[in-house]
Amino acid sequence: MAITLSLVALFGVLLALLIRFKSLGIGAALVAVLFGFYLASTDARHTINDLTTAVTRTITGH
């Protein structure tokens, strides 16, 4: 768990820097995929899923 959280933090910071400096390309896409992959392995996945579901229901009216 500790390794997963540190990888999430590392990829999150790296992705934020890539977006900040508009350095988007294959490398940024790989970082984004890895960030999502490792983020899905944390306990934050439930919160993100609930938030996405709530926003979707609000938009669609269900």
C-alpha atoms as a PDB file:
ATOM      1  CA  MET A   1       0.000   0.000   0.000  1.00  0.00           C
ATOM      2  CA  ALA A   2       2.811   2.422   0.841  1.00  0.00           C
ATOM      3  CA  ILE A   3       4.458   1.818  -2.536  1.00  0.00           C
ATOM      4  CA  THR A   4       1.171   2.346  -4.358  1.00  0.00           C
ATOM      5  CA  LEU A   5       0.511   5.641  -2.574  1.00  0.00           C
ATOM      6  CA  SER A   6       3.999   6.939  -3.297  1.00  0.00           C
ATOM      7  CA  LEU A   7       3.652   5.985  -6.975  1.00  0.00           C
ATOM      8  CA  VAL A   8       0.293   7.755  -7.119  1.00  0.00           C
ATOM      9  CA  ALA A   9       1.874  10.865  -5.625  1.00  0.00           C
ATOM     10  CA  LEU A  10       4.850  10.665  -7.990  1.00  0.00           C
ATOM     11  CA  PHE A  11       2.737  10.190 -11.114  1.00  0.00           C
ATOM     12  CA  GLY A  12       0.274  12.857  -9.950  1.00  0.00           C
ATOM     13  CA  VAL A  13       3.019  15.442  -9.526  1.00  0.00           C
ATOM     14  CA  LEU A  14       4.636  14.417 -12.805  1.00  0.00           C
ATOM     15  CA  LEU A  15       1.334  14.677 -14.664  1.00  0.00           C
ATOM     16  CA  ALA A  16       0.584  18.074 -13.113  1.00  0.00           C
ATOM     17  CA  LEU A  17       3.999  19.343 -14.232  1.00  0.00           C
ATOM     18  CA  LEU A  18       3.536  17.974 -17.749  1.00  0.00           C
ATOM     19  CA  ILE A  19       0.168  19.678 -18.043  1.00  0.00           C
ATOM     20  CA  ARG A  20       1.486  22.898 -16.471  1.00  0.00           C
ATOM     21  CA  PHE A  21       4.324  23.196 -18.967  1.00  0.00           C
ATOM     22  CA  LYS A  22       2.154  22.000 -21.867  1.00  0.00           C
ATOM     23  CA  SER A  23       4.501  19.140 -22.569  1.00  0.00           C
ATOM     24  CA  LEU A  24       1.802  16.769 -23.725  1.00  0.00           C
ATOM     25  CA  GLY A  25       2.721  13.843 -25.904  1.00  0.00           C
ATOM     26  CA  ILE A  26       3.336  10.113 -25.676  1.00  0.00           C
ATOM     27  CA  GLY A  27       5.207  10.483 -22.381  1.00  0.00           C
ATOM     28  CA  ALA A  28       2.376  12.472 -20.813  1.00  0.00           C
ATOM     29  CA  ALA A  29      -0.140   9.909 -22.014  1.00  0.00           C
ATOM     30  CA  LEU A  30       1.890   7.127 -20.418  1.00  0.00           C
ATOM     31  CA  VAL A  31       2.156   9.050 -17.151  1.00  0.00           C
ATOM     32  CA  ALA A  32      -1.624   9.674 -17.210  1.00  0.00           C
ATOM     33  CA  VAL A  33      -2.346   5.978 -17.753  1.00  0.00           C
ATOM     34  CA  LEU A  34       0.038   4.929 -14.995  1.00  0.00           C
ATOM     35  CA  PHE A  35      -1.415   7.572 -12.650  1.00  0.00           C
ATOM     36  CA  GLY A  36      -4.928   6.250 -13.273  1.00  0.00           C
ATOM     37  CA  PHE A  37      -3.809   2.656 -12.913  1.00  0.00           C
ATOM     38  CA  TYR A  38      -2.129   3.224  -9.559  1.00  0.00           C
ATOM     39  CA  LEU A  39      -4.870   5.570  -8.339  1.00  0.00           C
ATOM     40  CA  ALA A  40      -7.399   2.807  -8.978  1.00  0.00           C
ATOM     41  CA  SER A  41      -5.427   0.606  -6.579  1.00  0.00           C
ATOM     42  CA  THR A  42      -5.863   3.010  -3.652  1.00  0.00           C
ATOM     43  CA  ASP A  43      -8.773   3.604  -1.312  1.00  0.00           C
ATOM     44  CA  ALA A  44      -9.546   6.784  -3.262  1.00  0.00           C
ATOM     45  CA  ARG A  45     -11.198   4.712  -5.991  1.00  0.00           C
ATOM     46  CA  HIS A  46     -14.453   4.512  -4.023  1.00  0.00           C
ATOM     47  CA  THR A  47     -14.594   8.273  -3.505  1.00  0.00           C
ATOM     48  CA  ILE A  48     -13.801   8.964  -7.160  1.00  0.00           C
ATOM     49  CA  ASN A  49     -16.406   6.432  -8.290  1.00  0.00           C
ATOM     50  CA  ASP A  50     -19.057   7.934  -6.006  1.00  0.00           C
ATOM     51  CA  LEU A  51     -18.240  11.456  -7.209  1.00  0.00           C
ATOM     52  CA  THR A  52     -18.400  10.413 -10.863  1.00  0.00           C
ATOM     53  CA  THR A  53     -21.719   8.649 -10.282  1.00  0.00           C
ATOM     54  CA  ALA A  54     -23.175  11.711  -8.502  1.00  0.00           C
ATOM     55  CA  VAL A  55     -22.088  14.087 -11.269  1.00  0.00           C
ATOM     56  CA  THR A  56     -23.440  11.763 -13.953  1.00  0.00           C
ATOM     57  CA  ARG A  57     -26.782  11.435 -12.166  1.00  0.00           C
ATOM     58  CA  THR A  58     -26.979  15.218 -11.752  1.00  0.00           C
ATOM     59  CA  ILE A  59     -26.309  15.815 -15.428  1.00  0.00           C
ATOM     60  CA  THR A  60     -28.746  13.154 -16.655  1.00  0.00           C
ATOM     61  CA  GLY A  61     -31.393  13.962 -14.033  1.00  0.00           C
ATOM     62  CA  HIS A  62     -31.651  10.428 -12.580  1.00  0.00           C
END
